[in-house]
PDB file of N, CA and C in Angstrom:
ATOM      1  N   ILE A   1     145.310  58.450  89.960  1.00  0.00           N
ATOM      2  CA  ILE A   1     146.093  57.235  89.728  1.00  0.00           C
ATOM      3  C   ILE A   1     146.547  56.727  91.087  1.00  0.00           C
ATOM      4  N   GLU A   2     146.216  55.481  91.386  1.00  0.00           N
ATOM      5  CA  GLU A   2     146.654  54.842  92.624  1.00  0.00           C
ATOM      6  C   GLU A   2     147.525  53.650  92.258  1.00  0.00           C
ATOM      7  N   ILE A   3     148.691  53.563  92.902  1.00  0.00           N
ATOM      8  CA  ILE A   3     149.621  52.463  92.657  1.00  0.00           C
ATOM      9  C   ILE A   3     149.892  51.798  93.998  1.00  0.00           C
ATOM     10  N   GLY A   4     149.642  50.486  94.062  1.00  0.00           N
ATOM     11  CA  GLY A   4     149.770  49.745  95.307  1.00  0.00           C
ATOM     12  C   GLY A   4     151.211  49.479  95.715  1.00  0.00           C
ATOM     13  N   ALA A   5     151.343  48.986  96.922  1.00  0.00           N
ATOM     14  CA  ALA A   5     152.653  48.692  97.516  1.00  0.00           C
ATOM     15  C   ALA A   5     153.433  47.695  96.667  1.00  0.00           C
ATOM     16  N   ARG A   6     154.711  47.940  96.563  1.00  0.00           N
ATOM     17  CA  ARG A   6     155.674  47.053  95.893  1.00  0.00           C
ATOM     18  C   ARG A   6     155.412  46.898  94.395  1.00  0.00           C
ATOM     19  N   SER A   7     154.622  47.791  93.831  1.00  0.00           N
ATOM     20  CA  SER A   7     154.381  47.752  92.389  1.00  0.00           C
ATOM     21  C   SER A   7     155.399  48.627  91.683  1.00  0.00           C
ATOM     22  N   ASN A   8     155.651  48.335  90.407  1.00  0.00           N
ATOM     23  CA  ASN A   8     156.626  49.106  89.655  1.00  0.00           C
ATOM     24  C   ASN A   8     156.118  49.345  88.247  1.00  0.00           C
ATOM     25  N   VAL A   9     156.498  50.510  87.729  1.00  0.00           N
ATOM     26  CA  VAL A   9     156.125  50.924  86.379  1.00  0.00           C
ATOM     27  C   VAL A   9     157.424  51.166  85.633  1.00  0.00           C
ATOM     28  N   GLN A  10     157.651  50.414  84.586  1.00  0.00           N
ATOM     29  CA  GLN A  10     158.936  50.462  83.899  1.00  0.00           C
ATOM     30  C   GLN A  10     158.983  51.558  82.835  1.00  0.00           C
ATOM     31  N   ASP A  11     160.208  51.839  82.396  1.00  0.00           N
ATOM     32  CA  ASP A  11     160.507  52.927  81.470  1.00  0.00           C
ATOM     33  C   ASP A  11     159.588  52.948  80.262  1.00  0.00           C
ATOM     34  N   GLY A  12     159.169  54.142  79.871  1.00  0.00           N
ATOM     35  CA  GLY A  12     158.395  54.336  78.657  1.00  0.00           C
ATOM     36  C   GLY A  12     156.919  54.032  78.778  1.00  0.00           C
ATOM     37  N   SER A  13     156.473  53.638  79.956  1.00  0.00           N
ATOM     38  CA  SER A  13     155.049  53.326  80.138  1.00  0.00           C
ATOM     39  C   SER A  13     154.237  54.606  80.287  1.00  0.00           C
ATOM     40  N   VAL A  14     152.950  54.511  79.954  1.00  0.00           N
ATOM     41  CA  VAL A  14     152.027  55.627  80.112  1.00  0.00           C
ATOM     42  C   VAL A  14     150.869  55.157  80.976  1.00  0.00           C
ATOM     43  N   LEU A  15     150.621  55.895  82.053  1.00  0.00           N
ATOM     44  CA  LEU A  15     149.473  55.643  82.928  1.00  0.00           C
ATOM     45  C   LEU A  15     148.570  56.854  82.810  1.00  0.00           C
ATOM     46  N   HIS A  16     147.260  56.614  82.652  1.00  0.00           N
ATOM     47  CA  HIS A  16     146.375  57.751  82.393  1.00  0.00           C
ATOM     48  C   HIS A  16     144.984  57.476  82.937  1.00  0.00           C
ATOM     49  N   VAL A  17     144.224  58.548  83.127  1.00  0.00           N
ATOM     50  CA  VAL A  17     142.833  58.490  83.570  1.00  0.00           C
ATOM     51  C   VAL A  17     141.964  59.153  82.511  1.00  0.00           C
ATOM     52  N   VAL A  18     140.644  59.108  82.716  1.00  0.00           N
ATOM     53  CA  VAL A  18     139.705  59.844  81.873  1.00  0.00           C
ATOM     54  C   VAL A  18     139.128  60.970  82.720  1.00  0.00           C
ATOM     55  N   HIS A  19     139.143  62.169  82.187  1.00  0.00           N
ATOM     56  CA  HIS A  19     138.643  63.322  82.938  1.00  0.00           C
ATOM     57  C   HIS A  19     137.117  63.287  83.057  1.00  0.00           C
ATOM     58  N   ASP A  20     136.635  64.042  84.018  1.00  0.00           N
ATOM     59  CA  ASP A  20     135.204  64.217  84.228  1.00  0.00           C
ATOM     60  C   ASP A  20     134.650  65.039  83.072  1.00  0.00           C
ATOM     61  N   GLY A  21     133.702  64.492  82.358  1.00  0.00           N
ATOM     62  CA  GLY A  21     133.122  65.214  81.231  1.00  0.00           C
ATOM     63  C   GLY A  21     131.793  64.623  80.832  1.00  0.00           C
ATOM     64  N   PRO A  22     131.192  65.151  79.779  1.00  0.00           N
ATOM     65  CA  PRO A  22     129.850  64.713  79.389  1.00  0.00           C
ATOM     66  C   PRO A  22     129.777  63.255  78.956  1.00  0.00           C
ATOM     67  N   TYR A  23     130.881  62.683  78.498  1.00  0.00           N
ATOM     68  CA  TYR A  23     130.876  61.295  78.036  1.00  0.00           C
ATOM     69  C   TYR A  23     131.349  60.321  79.104  1.00  0.00           C
ATOM     70  N   SER A  24     131.877  60.866  80.192  1.00  0.00           N
ATOM     71  CA  SER A  24     132.307  60.030  81.320  1.00  0.00           C
ATOM     72  C   SER A  24     132.122  60.822  82.614  1.00  0.00           C
ATOM     73  N   PRO A  25     130.850  61.015  83.025  1.00  0.00           N
ATOM     74  CA  PRO A  25     130.579  61.785  84.241  1.00  0.00           C
ATOM     75  C   PRO A  25     131.355  61.227  85.435  1.00  0.00           C
ATOM     76  N   GLY A  26     132.063  62.091  86.114  1.00  0.00           N
ATOM     77  CA  GLY A  26     132.867  61.693  87.265  1.00  0.00           C
ATOM     78  C   GLY A  26     134.252  61.214  86.891  1.00  0.00           C
ATOM     79  N   GLY A  27     134.476  60.994  85.603  1.00  0.00           N
ATOM     80  CA  GLY A  27     135.782  60.518  85.151  1.00  0.00           C
ATOM     81  C   GLY A  27     135.997  59.048  85.465  1.00  0.00           C
ATOM     82  N   LEU A  28     137.152  58.561  85.055  1.00  0.00           N
ATOM     83  CA  LEU A  28     137.536  57.173  85.315  1.00  0.00           C
ATOM     84  C   LEU A  28     138.931  57.150  85.904  1.00  0.00           C
ATOM     85  N   ALA A  29     139.068  56.513  87.048  1.00  0.00           N
ATOM     86  CA  ALA A  29     140.353  56.428  87.736  1.00  0.00           C
ATOM     87  C   ALA A  29     141.203  55.306  87.150  1.00  0.00           C
ATOM     88  N   LEU A  30     142.454  55.289  87.528  1.00  0.00           N
ATOM     89  CA  LEU A  30     143.358  54.177  87.256  1.00  0.00           C
ATOM     90  C   LEU A  30     143.810  53.646  88.601  1.00  0.00           C
ATOM     91  N   GLN A  31     143.544  52.369  88.852  1.00  0.00           N
ATOM     92  CA  GLN A  31     143.928  51.745  90.111  1.00  0.00           C
ATOM     93  C   GLN A  31     144.794  50.533  89.811  1.00  0.00           C
ATOM     94  N   ILE A  32     145.949  50.496  90.450  1.00  0.00           N
ATOM     95  CA  ILE A  32     146.893  49.394  90.289  1.00  0.00           C
ATOM     96  C   ILE A  32     147.133  48.801  91.669  1.00  0.00           C
ATOM     97  N   GLY A  33     146.958  47.497  91.784  1.00  0.00           N
ATOM     98  CA  GLY A  33     147.096  46.822  93.067  1.00  0.00           C
ATOM     99  C   GLY A  33     148.542  46.674  93.514  1.00  0.00           C
ATOM    100  N   ALA A  34     148.744  45.827  94.518  1.00  0.00           N
ATOM    101  CA  ALA A  34     150.066  45.573  95.086  1.00  0.00           C
ATOM    102  C   ALA A  34     150.788  44.481  94.302  1.00  0.00           C
ATOM    103  N   ASP A  35     152.117  44.569  94.298  1.00  0.00           N
ATOM    104  CA  ASP A  35     152.982  43.554  93.684  1.00  0.00           C
ATOM    105  C   ASP A  35     152.709  43.401  92.185  1.00  0.00           C
ATOM    106  N   VAL A  36     152.487  44.526  91.523  1.00  0.00           N
ATOM    107  CA  VAL A  36     152.211  44.555  90.086  1.00  0.00           C
ATOM    108  C   VAL A  36     153.439  45.074  89.360  1.00  0.00           C
ATOM    109  N   THR A  37     153.738  44.480  88.207  1.00  0.00           N
ATOM    110  CA  THR A  37     154.777  44.994  87.320  1.00  0.00           C
ATOM    111  C   THR A  37     154.113  45.425  86.019  1.00  0.00           C
ATOM    112  N   ILE A  38     154.341  46.690  85.663  1.00  0.00           N
ATOM    113  CA  ILE A  38     153.890  47.232  84.385  1.00  0.00           C
ATOM    114  C   ILE A  38     155.134  47.290  83.507  1.00  0.00           C
ATOM    115  N   GLY A  39     155.172  46.486  82.458  1.00  0.00           N
ATOM    116  CA  GLY A  39     156.358  46.357  81.618  1.00  0.00           C
ATOM    117  C   GLY A  39     156.648  47.595  80.788  1.00  0.00           C
ATOM    118  N   HIS A  40     157.862  47.642  80.248  1.00  0.00           N
ATOM    119  CA  HIS A  40     158.316  48.757  79.423  1.00  0.00           C
ATOM    120  C   HIS A  40     157.321  49.076  78.312  1.00  0.00           C
ATOM    121  N   LYS A  41     157.054  50.365  78.133  1.00  0.00           N
ATOM    122  CA  LYS A  41     156.217  50.899  77.049  1.00  0.00           C
ATOM    123  C   LYS A  41     154.764  50.435  77.078  1.00  0.00           C
ATOM    124  N   ALA A  42     154.306  49.913  78.207  1.00  0.00           N
ATOM    125  CA  ALA A  42     152.886  49.555  78.329  1.00  0.00           C
ATOM    126  C   ALA A  42     152.049  50.828  78.454  1.00  0.00           C
ATOM    127  N   VAL A  43     150.788  50.741  78.041  1.00  0.00           N
ATOM    128  CA  VAL A  43     149.825  51.817  78.229  1.00  0.00           C
ATOM    129  C   VAL A  43     148.677  51.240  79.052  1.00  0.00           C
ATOM    130  N   VAL A  44     148.416  51.861  80.189  1.00  0.00           N
ATOM    131  CA  VAL A  44     147.316  51.430  81.055  1.00  0.00           C
ATOM    132  C   VAL A  44     146.441  52.657  81.270  1.00  0.00           C
ATOM    133  N   HIS A  45     145.208  52.590  80.757  1.00  0.00           N
ATOM    134  CA  HIS A  45     144.352  53.770  80.661  1.00  0.00           C
ATOM    135  C   HIS A  45     143.026  53.523  81.366  1.00  0.00           C
ATOM    136  N   ALA A  46     142.818  54.222  82.475  1.00  0.00           N
ATOM    137  CA  ALA A  46     141.528  54.215  83.172  1.00  0.00           C
ATOM    138  C   ALA A  46     141.006  52.804  83.408  1.00  0.00           C
ATOM    139  N   ALA A  47     141.846  51.974  84.007  1.00  0.00           N
ATOM    140  CA  ALA A  47     141.523  50.567  84.257  1.00  0.00           C
ATOM    141  C   ALA A  47     141.733  50.251  85.733  1.00  0.00           C
ATOM    142  N   THR A  48     141.343  49.049  86.111  1.00  0.00           N
ATOM    143  CA  THR A  48     141.602  48.538  87.450  1.00  0.00           C
ATOM    144  C   THR A  48     142.440  47.281  87.310  1.00  0.00           C
ATOM    145  N   ILE A  49     143.636  47.312  87.899  1.00  0.00           N
ATOM    146  CA  ILE A  49     144.554  46.177  87.857  1.00  0.00           C
ATOM    147  C   ILE A  49     144.619  45.597  89.263  1.00  0.00           C
ATOM    148  N   GLY A  50     144.350  44.311  89.397  1.00  0.00           N
ATOM    149  CA  GLY A  50     144.370  43.658  90.701  1.00  0.00           C
ATOM    150  C   GLY A  50     145.777  43.466  91.236  1.00  0.00           C
ATOM    151  N   HIS A  51     145.896  42.654  92.253  1.00  0.00           N
ATOM    152  CA  HIS A  51     147.181  42.362  92.895  1.00  0.00           C
ATOM    153  C   HIS A  51     147.912  41.246  92.141  1.00  0.00           C
ATOM    154  N   ARG A  52     149.245  41.296  92.211  1.00  0.00           N
ATOM    155  CA  ARG A  52     150.113  40.230  91.669  1.00  0.00           C
ATOM    156  C   ARG A  52     149.879  40.002  90.172  1.00  0.00           C
ATOM    157  N   CYS A  53     149.873  41.101  89.426  1.00  0.00           N
ATOM    158  CA  CYS A  53     149.691  41.016  87.977  1.00  0.00           C
ATOM    159  C   CYS A  53     150.960  41.472  87.267  1.00  0.00           C
ATOM    160  N   LEU A  54     151.114  40.994  86.056  1.00  0.00           N
ATOM    161  CA  LEU A  54     152.191  41.429  85.167  1.00  0.00           C
ATOM    162  C   LEU A  54     151.535  41.906  83.879  1.00  0.00           C
ATOM    163  N   ILE A  55     151.748  43.162  83.556  1.00  0.00           N
ATOM    164  CA  ILE A  55     151.285  43.718  82.289  1.00  0.00           C
ATOM    165  C   ILE A  55     152.536  43.793  81.414  1.00  0.00           C
ATOM    166  N   GLY A  56     152.586  42.996  80.370  1.00  0.00           N
ATOM    167  CA  GLY A  56     153.790  42.827  79.574  1.00  0.00           C
ATOM    168  C   GLY A  56     154.202  44.072  78.802  1.00  0.00           C
ATOM    169  N   MET A  57     155.419  44.026  78.290  1.00  0.00           N
ATOM    170  CA  MET A  57     155.975  45.138  77.526  1.00  0.00           C
ATOM    171  C   MET A  57     155.071  45.481  76.345  1.00  0.00           C
ATOM    172  N   ALA A  58     154.819  46.773  76.169  1.00  0.00           N
ATOM    173  CA  ALA A  58     154.037  47.320  75.064  1.00  0.00           C
ATOM    174  C   ALA A  58     152.592  46.806  75.018  1.00  0.00           C
ATOM    175  N   ALA A  59     152.107  46.241  76.118  1.00  0.00           N
ATOM    176  CA  ALA A  59     150.692  45.867  76.192  1.00  0.00           C
ATOM    177  C   ALA A  59     149.856  47.133  76.356  1.00  0.00           C
ATOM    178  N   VAL A  60     148.602  47.051  75.946  1.00  0.00           N
ATOM    179  CA  VAL A  60     147.670  48.170  76.072  1.00  0.00           C
ATOM    180  C   VAL A  60     146.428  47.676  76.808  1.00  0.00           C
ATOM    181  N   VAL A  61     146.126  48.320  77.928  1.00  0.00           N
ATOM    182  CA  VAL A  61     144.945  47.995  78.731  1.00  0.00           C
ATOM    183  C   VAL A  61     144.088  49.256  78.740  1.00  0.00           C
ATOM    184  N   THR A  62     142.871  49.151  78.209  1.00  0.00           N
ATOM    185  CA  THR A  62     142.065  50.332  77.923  1.00  0.00           C
ATOM    186  C   THR A  62     140.983  50.590  78.974  1.00  0.00           C
ATOM    187  N   ASP A  63     140.171  51.599  78.710  1.00  0.00           N
ATOM    188  CA  ASP A  63     139.166  52.106  79.644  1.00  0.00           C
ATOM    189  C   ASP A  63     138.228  51.031  80.162  1.00  0.00           C
ATOM    190  N   ARG A  64     137.975  51.123  81.458  1.00  0.00           N
ATOM    191  CA  ARG A  64     136.991  50.273  82.160  1.00  0.00           C
ATOM    192  C   ARG A  64     137.358  48.787  82.160  1.00  0.00           C
ATOM    193  N   VAL A  65     138.590  48.468  81.840  1.00  0.00           N
ATOM    194  CA  VAL A  65     139.035  47.075  81.947  1.00  0.00           C
ATOM    195  C   VAL A  65     139.262  46.765  83.413  1.00  0.00           C
ATOM    196  N   VAL A  66     138.877  45.567  83.817  1.00  0.00           N
ATOM    197  CA  VAL A  66     139.182  45.062  85.154  1.00  0.00           C
ATOM    198  C   VAL A  66     140.057  43.829  84.980  1.00  0.00           C
ATOM    199  N   VAL A  67     141.257  43.906  85.534  1.00  0.00           N
ATOM    200  CA  VAL A  67     142.173  42.768  85.547  1.00  0.00           C
ATOM    201  C   VAL A  67     142.147  42.235  86.972  1.00  0.00           C
ATOM    202  N   GLU A  68     141.606  41.049  87.158  1.00  0.00           N
ATOM    203  CA  GLU A  68     141.531  40.475  88.493  1.00  0.00           C
ATOM    204  C   GLU A  68     142.928  40.098  88.994  1.00  0.00           C
ATOM    205  N   ASP A  69     143.029  39.629  90.226  1.00  0.00           N
ATOM    206  CA  ASP A  69     144.307  39.240  90.826  1.00  0.00           C
ATOM    207  C   ASP A  69     144.951  38.090  90.058  1.00  0.00           C
ATOM    208  N   ASP A  70     146.299  38.056  90.094  1.00  0.00           N
ATOM    209  CA  ASP A  70     147.072  36.932  89.549  1.00  0.00           C
ATOM    210  C   ASP A  70     146.807  36.720  88.057  1.00  0.00           C
ATOM    211  N   VAL A  71     147.078  37.755  87.277  1.00  0.00           N
ATOM    212  CA  VAL A  71     146.895  37.703  85.823  1.00  0.00           C
ATOM    213  C   VAL A  71     148.171  38.161  85.146  1.00  0.00           C
ATOM    214  N   ILE A  72     148.504  37.536  84.029  1.00  0.00           N
ATOM    215  CA  ILE A  72     149.572  38.008  83.154  1.00  0.00           C
ATOM    216  C   ILE A  72     148.942  38.397  81.827  1.00  0.00           C
ATOM    217  N   VAL A  73     149.213  39.638  81.401  1.00  0.00           N
ATOM    218  CA  VAL A  73     148.838  40.117  80.076  1.00  0.00           C
ATOM    219  C   VAL A  73     150.134  40.134  79.270  1.00  0.00           C
ATOM    220  N   GLY A  74     150.194  39.325  78.232  1.00  0.00           N
ATOM    221  CA  GLY A  74     151.420  39.155  77.466  1.00  0.00           C
ATOM    222  C   GLY A  74     151.858  40.407  76.736  1.00  0.00           C
ATOM    223  N   ALA A  75     153.153  40.465  76.442  1.00  0.00           N
ATOM    224  CA  ALA A  75     153.739  41.587  75.721  1.00  0.00           C
ATOM    225  C   ALA A  75     152.998  41.833  74.418  1.00  0.00           C
ATOM    226  N   GLY A  76     152.714  43.106  74.138  1.00  0.00           N
ATOM    227  CA  GLY A  76     152.074  43.492  72.898  1.00  0.00           C
ATOM    228  C   GLY A  76     150.583  43.224  72.819  1.00  0.00           C
ATOM    229  N   SER A  77     150.014  42.670  73.851  1.00  0.00           N
ATOM    230  CA  SER A  77     148.574  42.368  73.836  1.00  0.00           C
ATOM    231  C   SER A  77     147.761  43.645  73.995  1.00  0.00           C
ATOM    232  N   VAL A  78     146.540  43.630  73.471  1.00  0.00           N
ATOM    233  CA  VAL A  78     145.625  44.764  73.586  1.00  0.00           C
ATOM    234  C   VAL A  78     144.327  44.274  74.214  1.00  0.00           C
ATOM    235  N   VAL A  79     143.961  44.887  75.338  1.00  0.00           N
ATOM    236  CA  VAL A  79     142.722  44.533  76.036  1.00  0.00           C
ATOM    237  C   VAL A  79     141.697  45.618  75.731  1.00  0.00           C
ATOM    238  N   PRO A  80     140.647  45.296  74.952  1.00  0.00           N
ATOM    239  CA  PRO A  80     139.646  46.293  74.564  1.00  0.00           C
ATOM    240  C   PRO A  80     138.841  46.812  75.758  1.00  0.00           C
ATOM    241  N   PRO A  81     138.230  47.972  75.595  1.00  0.00           N
ATOM    242  CA  PRO A  81     137.477  48.600  76.690  1.00  0.00           C
ATOM    243  C   PRO A  81     136.413  47.681  77.288  1.00  0.00           C
ATOM    244  N   GLY A  82     136.293  47.774  78.630  1.00  0.00           N
ATOM    245  CA  GLY A  82     135.217  47.109  79.338  1.00  0.00           C
ATOM    246  C   GLY A  82     135.385  45.630  79.594  1.00  0.00           C
ATOM    247  N   ASN A  83     136.493  45.042  79.182  1.00  0.00           N
ATOM    248  CA  ASN A  83     136.691  43.608  79.397  1.00  0.00           C
ATOM    249  C   ASN A  83     137.095  43.311  80.833  1.00  0.00           C
ATOM    250  N   ARG A  84     136.813  42.095  81.272  1.00  0.00           N
ATOM    251  CA  ARG A  84     137.249  41.598  82.586  1.00  0.00           C
ATOM    252  C   ARG A  84     138.144  40.400  82.337  1.00  0.00           C
ATOM    253  N   LEU A  85     139.377  40.474  82.863  1.00  0.00           N
ATOM    254  CA  LEU A  85     140.312  39.361  82.760  1.00  0.00           C
ATOM    255  C   LEU A  85     140.277  38.612  84.078  1.00  0.00           C
ATOM    256  N   GLU A  86     139.852  37.369  84.013  1.00  0.00           N
ATOM    257  CA  GLU A  86     139.627  36.589  85.227  1.00  0.00           C
ATOM    258  C   GLU A  86     140.933  36.101  85.831  1.00  0.00           C
ATOM    259  N   SER A  87     140.908  35.952  87.135  1.00  0.00           N
ATOM    260  CA  SER A  87     142.065  35.590  87.942  1.00  0.00           C
ATOM    261  C   SER A  87     142.744  34.315  87.452  1.00  0.00           C
ATOM    262  N   ARG A  88     144.072  34.298  87.636  1.00  0.00           N
ATOM    263  CA  ARG A  88     144.923  33.134  87.376  1.00  0.00           C
ATOM    264  C   ARG A  88     144.983  32.767  85.896  1.00  0.00           C
ATOM    265  N   GLY A  89     144.882  33.791  85.012  1.00  0.00           N
ATOM    266  CA  GLY A  89     144.923  33.517  83.584  1.00  0.00           C
ATOM    267  C   GLY A  89     146.067  34.206  82.873  1.00  0.00           C
ATOM    268  N   LEU A  90     146.487  33.596  81.763  1.00  0.00           N
ATOM    269  CA  LEU A  90     147.430  34.197  80.828  1.00  0.00           C
ATOM    270  C   LEU A  90     146.616  34.678  79.641  1.00  0.00           C
ATOM    271  N   TYR A  91     146.729  35.965  79.334  1.00  0.00           N
ATOM    272  CA  TYR A  91     145.985  36.585  78.245  1.00  0.00           C
ATOM    273  C   TYR A  91     146.966  37.077  77.191  1.00  0.00           C
ATOM    274  N   LEU A  92     146.699  36.717  75.941  1.00  0.00           N
ATOM    275  CA  LEU A  92     147.588  37.075  74.830  1.00  0.00           C
ATOM    276  C   LEU A  92     146.774  37.548  73.639  1.00  0.00           C
ATOM    277  N   GLY A  93     147.397  38.392  72.820  1.00  0.00           N
ATOM    278  CA  GLY A  93     146.832  38.747  71.532  1.00  0.00           C
ATOM    279  C   GLY A  93     146.164  40.097  71.474  1.00  0.00           C
ATOM    280  N   SER A  94     145.623  40.376  70.294  1.00  0.00           N
ATOM    281  CA  SER A  94     144.931  41.625  70.028  1.00  0.00           C
ATOM    282  C   SER A  94     143.693  41.316  69.194  1.00  0.00           C
ATOM    283  N   PRO A  95     142.547  41.226  69.821  1.00  0.00           N
ATOM    284  CA  PRO A  95     142.286  41.497  71.233  1.00  0.00           C
ATOM    285  C   PRO A  95     142.783  40.356  72.120  1.00  0.00           C
ATOM    286  N   ALA A  96     143.133  40.701  73.353  1.00  0.00           N
ATOM    287  CA  ALA A  96     143.652  39.708  74.292  1.00  0.00           C
ATOM    288  C   ALA A  96     142.580  38.679  74.628  1.00  0.00           C
ATOM    289  N   LYS A  97     142.987  37.432  74.616  1.00  0.00           N
ATOM    290  CA  LYS A  97     142.122  36.305  74.975  1.00  0.00           C
ATOM    291  C   LYS A  97     142.845  35.440  76.000  1.00  0.00           C
ATOM    292  N   ARG A  98     142.058  34.815  76.864  1.00  0.00           N
ATOM    293  CA  ARG A  98     142.650  33.884  77.833  1.00  0.00           C
ATOM    294  C   ARG A  98     143.098  32.636  77.079  1.00  0.00           C
ATOM    295  N   VAL A  99     144.392  32.314  77.204  1.00  0.00           N
ATOM    296  CA  VAL A  99     144.902  31.147  76.489  1.00  0.00           C
ATOM    297  C   VAL A  99     145.089  29.942  77.402  1.00  0.00           C
ATOM    298  N   ARG A 100     145.267  30.203  78.703  1.00  0.00           N
ATOM    299  CA  ARG A 100     145.390  29.094  79.650  1.00  0.00           C
ATOM    300  C   ARG A 100     145.450  29.645  81.065  1.00  0.00           C
ATOM    301  N   ASP A 101     145.372  28.713  82.029  1.00  0.00           N
ATOM    302  CA  ASP A 101     145.562  29.063  83.425  1.00  0.00           C
ATOM    303  C   ASP A 101     147.046  29.267  83.694  1.00  0.00           C
ATOM    304  N   LEU A 102     147.350  30.135  84.656  1.00  0.00           N
ATOM    305  CA  LEU A 102     148.731  30.299  85.090  1.00  0.00           C
ATOM    306  C   LEU A 102     149.140  29.129  85.969  1.00  0.00           C
ATOM    307  N   THR A 103     150.410  28.785  85.904  1.00  0.00           N
ATOM    308  CA  THR A 103     150.951  27.777  86.806  1.00  0.00           C
ATOM    309  C   THR A 103     151.308  28.436  88.136  1.00  0.00           C
ATOM    310  N   ALA A 104     151.452  27.631  89.166  1.00  0.00           N
ATOM    311  CA  ALA A 104     151.884  28.153  90.469  1.00  0.00           C
ATOM    312  C   ALA A 104     153.245  28.827  90.335  1.00  0.00           C
ATOM    313  N   ARG A 105     154.113  28.263  89.519  1.00  0.00           N
ATOM    314  CA  ARG A 105     155.445  28.849  89.302  1.00  0.00           C
ATOM    315  C   ARG A 105     155.352  30.240  88.663  1.00  0.00           C
ATOM    316  N   GLU A 106     154.445  30.431  87.713  1.00  0.00           N
ATOM    317  CA  GLU A 106     154.291  31.743  87.079  1.00  0.00           C
ATOM    318  C   GLU A 106     153.775  32.782  88.072  1.00  0.00           C
ATOM    319  N   ILE A 107     152.860  32.379  88.932  1.00  0.00           N
ATOM    320  CA  ILE A 107     152.358  33.306  89.947  1.00  0.00           C
ATOM    321  C   ILE A 107     153.480  33.675  90.914  1.00  0.00           C
ATOM    322  N   GLU A 108     154.297  32.697  91.302  1.00  0.00           N
ATOM    323  CA  GLU A 108     155.459  32.976  92.155  1.00  0.00           C
ATOM    324  C   GLU A 108     156.427  33.912  91.446  1.00  0.00           C
ATOM    325  N   GLN A 109     156.605  33.734  90.147  1.00  0.00           N
ATOM    326  CA  GLN A 109     157.535  34.561  89.390  1.00  0.00           C
ATOM    327  C   GLN A 109     157.078  36.025  89.367  1.00  0.00           C
ATOM    328  N   VAL A 110     155.780  36.252  89.256  1.00  0.00           N
ATOM    329  CA  VAL A 110     155.266  37.624  89.291  1.00  0.00           C
ATOM    330  C   VAL A 110     155.630  38.282  90.615  1.00  0.00           C
ATOM    331  N   LEU A 111     155.469  37.554  91.718  1.00  0.00           N
ATOM    332  CA  LEU A 111     155.869  38.095  93.031  1.00  0.00           C
ATOM    333  C   LEU A 111     157.377  38.316  93.105  1.00  0.00           C
ATOM    334  N   TYR A 112     158.155  37.400  92.551  1.00  0.00           N
ATOM    335  CA  TYR A 112     159.611  37.542  92.531  1.00  0.00           C
ATOM    336  C   TYR A 112     160.015  38.817  91.782  1.00  0.00           C
ATOM    337  N   ILE A 113     159.411  39.048  90.623  1.00  0.00           N
ATOM    338  CA  ILE A 113     159.757  40.228  89.827  1.00  0.00           C
ATOM    339  C   ILE A 113     159.469  41.504  90.614  1.00  0.00           C
ATOM    340  N   ALA A 114     158.299  41.584  91.229  1.00  0.00           N
ATOM    341  CA  ALA A 114     157.954  42.773  92.020  1.00  0.00           C
ATOM    342  C   ALA A 114     158.948  42.959  93.168  1.00  0.00           C
ATOM    343  N   ALA A 115     159.286  41.877  93.852  1.00  0.00           N
ATOM    344  CA  ALA A 115     160.238  41.962  94.969  1.00  0.00           C
ATOM    345  C   ALA A 115     161.628  42.358  94.477  1.00  0.00           C
ATOM    346  N   HIS A 116     162.001  41.881  93.297  1.00  0.00           N
ATOM    347  CA  HIS A 116     163.304  42.244  92.715  1.00  0.00           C
ATOM    348  C   HIS A 116     163.408  43.762  92.546  1.00  0.00           C
ATOM    349  N   TYR A 117     162.356  44.395  92.043  1.00  0.00           N
ATOM    350  CA  TYR A 117     162.411  45.839  91.839  1.00  0.00           C
ATOM    351  C   TYR A 117     162.418  46.596  93.161  1.00  0.00           C
ATOM    352  N   VAL A 118     161.813  46.054  94.195  1.00  0.00           N
ATOM    353  CA  VAL A 118     161.911  46.669  95.522  1.00  0.00           C
ATOM    354  C   VAL A 118     163.363  46.591  96.002  1.00  0.00           C
ATOM    355  N   ARG A 119     163.996  45.413  95.837  1.00  0.00           N
ATOM    356  CA  ARG A 119     165.409  45.288  96.238  1.00  0.00           C
ATOM    357  C   ARG A 119     166.301  46.245  95.441  1.00  0.00           C
ATOM    358  N   LEU A 120     166.025  46.379  94.164  1.00  0.00           N
ATOM    359  CA  LEU A 120     166.798  47.304  93.326  1.00  0.00           C
ATOM    360  C   LEU A 120     166.650  48.735  93.824  1.00  0.00           C
ATOM    361  N   LYS A 121     165.421  49.140  94.127  1.00  0.00           N
ATOM    362  CA  LYS A 121     165.178  50.474  94.678  1.00  0.00           C
ATOM    363  C   LYS A 121     165.942  50.652  95.969  1.00  0.00           C
ATOM    364  N   ASP A 122     165.880  49.654  96.858  1.00  0.00           N
ATOM    365  CA  ASP A 122     166.577  49.747  98.139  1.00  0.00           C
ATOM    366  C   ASP A 122     168.080  49.879  97.948  1.00  0.00           C
ATOM    367  N   SER A 123     168.647  49.178  96.978  1.00  0.00           N
ATOM    368  CA  SER A 123     170.096  49.273  96.742  1.00  0.00           C
ATOM    369  C   SER A 123     170.482  50.663  96.251  1.00  0.00           C
ATOM    370  N   TYR A 124     169.645  51.285  95.448  1.00  0.00           N
ATOM    371  CA  TYR A 124     169.916  52.662  94.996  1.00  0.00           C
ATOM    372  C   TYR A 124     169.851  53.647  96.154  1.00  0.00           C
ATOM    373  N   LEU A 125     168.898  53.428  97.062  1.00  0.00           N
ATOM    374  CA  LEU A 125     168.756  54.344  98.186  1.00  0.00           C
ATOM    375  C   LEU A 125     169.904  54.244  99.174  1.00  0.00           C
ATOM    376  N   THR A 126     170.562  53.097  99.251  1.00  0.00           N
ATOM    377  CA  THR A 126     171.668  52.930 100.202  1.00  0.00           C
ATOM    378  C   THR A 126     173.027  53.164  99.566  1.00  0.00           C
ATOM    379  N   ALA A 127     173.076  53.383  98.262  1.00  0.00           N
ATOM    380  CA  ALA A 127     174.363  53.587  97.562  1.00  0.00           C
ATOM    381  C   ALA A 127     174.903  54.978  97.790  1.00  0.00           C
TER     382      ALA A 127
END
């Protein structure tokens, strides 16, 4: 499991990989980019998450999913195995579908949220 700089994983989330075995030779890693927020109770399993993404509360991202940079996966959404979520999109539902492009403000908000959790961490360390 690799987690990029300034990323945060909120309470109750599960991050997991797939072990090396006969059905997945070499196993499957979990890679999370920089400035990513994984919301409360999300499950992210053997996927690749790009930079500046928000995985909403209780969302499920499954094996071999690739989430490109600047993506929001809405709360409660389920991304089936092997899907690619293209950059600058809002994905909702079960199965998750792209419903529209993200606005510049939403992309800025994702960065704000990640930076907020860095500031929160820093305040705890100096208290």
